[in-house]
C-alpha atoms as a PDB file:
ATOM      1  CA  MET A   1      16.109 -24.873 -66.691  1.00  0.00           C
ATOM      2  CA  ASP A   2      13.219 -26.555 -64.790  1.00  0.00           C
ATOM      3  CA  ILE A   3      10.166 -27.839 -66.752  1.00  0.00           C
ATOM      4  CA  LYS A   4       7.275 -29.459 -65.254  1.00  0.00           C
ATOM      5  CA  PHE A   5       4.629 -30.984 -67.577  1.00  0.00           C
ATOM      6  CA  ARG A   6       0.611 -31.568 -66.972  1.00  0.00           C
ATOM      7  CA  ASP A   7      -1.343 -34.098 -68.927  1.00  0.00           C
ATOM      8  CA  VAL A   8      -3.994 -32.586 -71.151  1.00  0.00           C
ATOM      9  CA  ASN A   9      -5.008 -34.993 -73.503  1.00  0.00           C
ATOM     10  CA  TYR A  10      -7.690 -32.776 -75.191  1.00  0.00           C
ATOM     11  CA  GLY A  11      -7.649 -32.790 -79.189  1.00  0.00           C
ATOM     12  CA  ILE A  12      -4.370 -32.173 -80.362  1.00  0.00           C
ATOM     13  CA  VAL A  13      -2.903 -30.852 -77.262  1.00  0.00           C
ATOM     14  CA  GLU A  14      -0.861 -33.639 -75.383  1.00  0.00           C
ATOM     15  CA  ALA A  15       0.505 -31.630 -72.423  1.00  0.00           C
ATOM     16  CA  ARG A  16       1.303 -28.003 -70.826  1.00  0.00           C
ATOM     17  CA  ALA A  17       4.467 -26.995 -69.562  1.00  0.00           C
ATOM     18  CA  MET A  18       5.775 -24.592 -66.899  1.00  0.00           C
ATOM     19  CA  LEU A  19       9.282 -23.173 -67.365  1.00  0.00           C
ATOM     20  CA  ARG A  20      11.645 -22.033 -64.334  1.00  0.00           C
ATOM     21  CA  THR A  21      14.928 -20.772 -65.080  1.00  0.00           C
ATOM     22  CA  THR A  22      17.846 -20.425 -62.563  1.00  0.00           C
ATOM     23  CA  GLU A  23      17.076 -16.519 -62.815  1.00  0.00           C
ATOM     24  CA  GLY A  24      13.631 -16.753 -61.141  1.00  0.00           C
ATOM     25  CA  PHE A  25      11.989 -16.337 -64.597  1.00  0.00           C
ATOM     26  CA  THR A  26       8.651 -18.286 -65.135  1.00  0.00           C
ATOM     27  CA  VAL A  27       6.784 -19.019 -68.352  1.00  0.00           C
ATOM     28  CA  ASN A  28       3.362 -20.563 -68.014  1.00  0.00           C
ATOM     29  CA  GLU A  29       1.269 -22.272 -70.695  1.00  0.00           C
ATOM     30  CA  ILE A  30       3.856 -23.591 -73.220  1.00  0.00           C
ATOM     31  CA  THR A  31       1.639 -26.007 -75.112  1.00  0.00           C
ATOM     32  CA  ILE A  32       2.879 -29.375 -76.441  1.00  0.00           C
ATOM     33  CA  ILE A  33       0.867 -30.459 -79.583  1.00  0.00           C
ATOM     34  CA  SER A  34       0.738 -33.426 -81.668  1.00  0.00           C
ATOM     35  CA  ARG A  35      -0.071 -32.930 -85.363  1.00  0.00           C
ATOM     36  CA  ASP A  36       0.000 -35.603 -87.838  1.00  0.00           C
ATOM     37  CA  GLY A  37       1.876 -37.806 -85.321  1.00  0.00           C
ATOM     38  CA  LYS A  38       4.684 -35.358 -84.633  1.00  0.00           C
ATOM     39  CA  ILE A  39       5.319 -33.508 -81.678  1.00  0.00           C
ATOM     40  CA  GLU A  40       5.474 -29.780 -81.752  1.00  0.00           C
ATOM     41  CA  VAL A  41       5.945 -26.930 -79.325  1.00  0.00           C
ATOM     42  CA  GLU A  42       4.000 -23.659 -79.217  1.00  0.00           C
ATOM     43  CA  LEU A  43       4.907 -20.580 -77.315  1.00  0.00           C
ATOM     44  CA  PRO A  44       2.319 -18.363 -75.591  1.00  0.00           C
ATOM     45  CA  LYS A  45       0.670 -15.723 -77.659  1.00  0.00           C
ATOM     46  CA  LYS A  46      -1.510 -12.661 -76.846  1.00  0.00           C
ATOM     47  CA  SER A  47      -4.416 -12.281 -79.028  1.00  0.00           C
ATOM     48  CA  PHE A  48      -6.455  -8.972 -79.616  1.00  0.00           C
ATOM     49  CA  LYS A  49      -8.931  -7.520 -81.648  1.00  0.00           C
ATOM     50  CA  SER A  50      -8.027  -4.598 -83.696  1.00  0.00           C
ATOM     51  CA  LYS A  51     -10.227  -1.487 -84.392  1.00  0.00           C
ATOM     52  CA  VAL A  52     -11.277  -2.668 -87.610  1.00  0.00           C
ATOM     53  CA  GLY A  53     -12.259  -6.271 -86.101  1.00  0.00           C
ATOM     54  CA  LYS A  54      -9.609  -8.455 -86.946  1.00  0.00           C
ATOM     55  CA  VAL A  55      -8.097 -10.695 -84.358  1.00  0.00           C
ATOM     56  CA  LEU A  56      -4.412 -10.209 -84.316  1.00  0.00           C
ATOM     57  CA  SER A  57      -1.711 -12.027 -82.198  1.00  0.00           C
ATOM     58  CA  MET A  58       1.751 -11.428 -80.930  1.00  0.00           C
ATOM     59  CA  ASP A  59       4.316 -13.699 -79.235  1.00  0.00           C
ATOM     60  CA  ILE A  60       4.901 -13.013 -75.690  1.00  0.00           C
ATOM     61  CA  LEU A  61       8.267 -14.380 -75.898  1.00  0.00           C
ATOM     62  CA  THR A  62      10.836 -12.836 -78.259  1.00  0.00           C
ATOM     63  CA  PHE A  63      14.334 -14.187 -79.184  1.00  0.00           C
ATOM     64  CA  ASP A  64      17.406 -12.296 -80.379  1.00  0.00           C
ATOM     65  CA  SER A  65      17.512 -14.555 -83.317  1.00  0.00           C
ATOM     66  CA  GLU A  66      15.643 -17.621 -84.932  1.00  0.00           C
ATOM     67  CA  ASP A  67      18.280 -19.790 -83.779  1.00  0.00           C
ATOM     68  CA  GLN A  68      17.819 -19.332 -80.268  1.00  0.00           C
ATOM     69  CA  LYS A  69      14.345 -19.842 -80.659  1.00  0.00           C
ATOM     70  CA  THR A  70      14.899 -23.110 -82.543  1.00  0.00           C
ATOM     71  CA  LEU A  71      17.323 -24.110 -79.865  1.00  0.00           C
ATOM     72  CA  PHE A  72      14.768 -23.341 -76.946  1.00  0.00           C
ATOM     73  CA  LEU A  73      12.026 -25.197 -78.602  1.00  0.00           C
ATOM     74  CA  LEU A  74      14.470 -28.107 -79.214  1.00  0.00           C
ATOM     75  CA  GLN A  75      15.332 -28.351 -75.388  1.00  0.00           C
ATOM     76  CA  VAL A  76      11.491 -28.184 -74.391  1.00  0.00           C
ATOM     77  CA  LYS A  77      10.738 -30.880 -77.012  1.00  0.00           C
ATOM     78  CA  GLU A  78      13.589 -33.160 -75.564  1.00  0.00           C
ATOM     79  CA  HIS A  79      12.496 -32.444 -71.909  1.00  0.00           C
ATOM     80  CA  TYR A  80       9.020 -33.781 -72.965  1.00  0.00           C
ATOM     81  CA  LEU A  81      10.058 -36.932 -74.764  1.00  0.00           C
ATOM     82  CA  GLU A  82      11.982 -37.688 -71.708  1.00  0.00           C
ATOM     83  CA  TRP A  83       9.038 -36.907 -69.325  1.00  0.00           C
ATOM     84  CA  ARG A  84       6.841 -38.715 -71.614  1.00  0.00           C
ATOM     85  CA  LYS A  85       8.934 -41.784 -71.325  1.00  0.00           C
ATOM     86  CA  LYS A  86       8.466 -41.956 -67.726  1.00  0.00           C
ATOM     87  CA  GLN A  87       4.725 -40.996 -67.644  1.00  0.00           C
ATOM     88  CA  LYS A  88       3.231 -43.110 -70.192  1.00  0.00           C
ATOM     89  CA  LEU A  89      -0.003 -41.699 -72.084  1.00  0.00           C
ATOM     90  CA  VAL A  90      -3.016 -43.132 -71.177  1.00  0.00           C
ATOM     91  CA  ARG A  91      -6.308 -42.364 -73.117  1.00  0.00           C
ATOM     92  CA  VAL A  92      -9.726 -42.602 -71.485  1.00  0.00           C
ATOM     93  CA  TYR A  93     -12.810 -42.843 -74.086  1.00  0.00           C
ATOM     94  CA  GLU A  94     -16.217 -42.359 -72.886  1.00  0.00           C
ATOM     95  CA  SER A  95     -18.823 -44.201 -75.158  1.00  0.00           C
END
């Protein structure tokens, strides 16, 4: 599994990830966020408006079990933390 990260640093979004597996499968827009000082991984979702006007969303990636999903999210998080150690976070504030 090859994961490449791109710094975003906008709001709670820390980075975006692009994942490429050995089978040639690519996933874009995996989001790394920081909520209350904790790093979380969000998978891409598809949002759409229903006939009654409600906005619904569904996961683009599905897993056979919750354990597989948790393991996948932990692997992405570990890769991000390793990448972050090499690429220091620099915040630029405009006044």
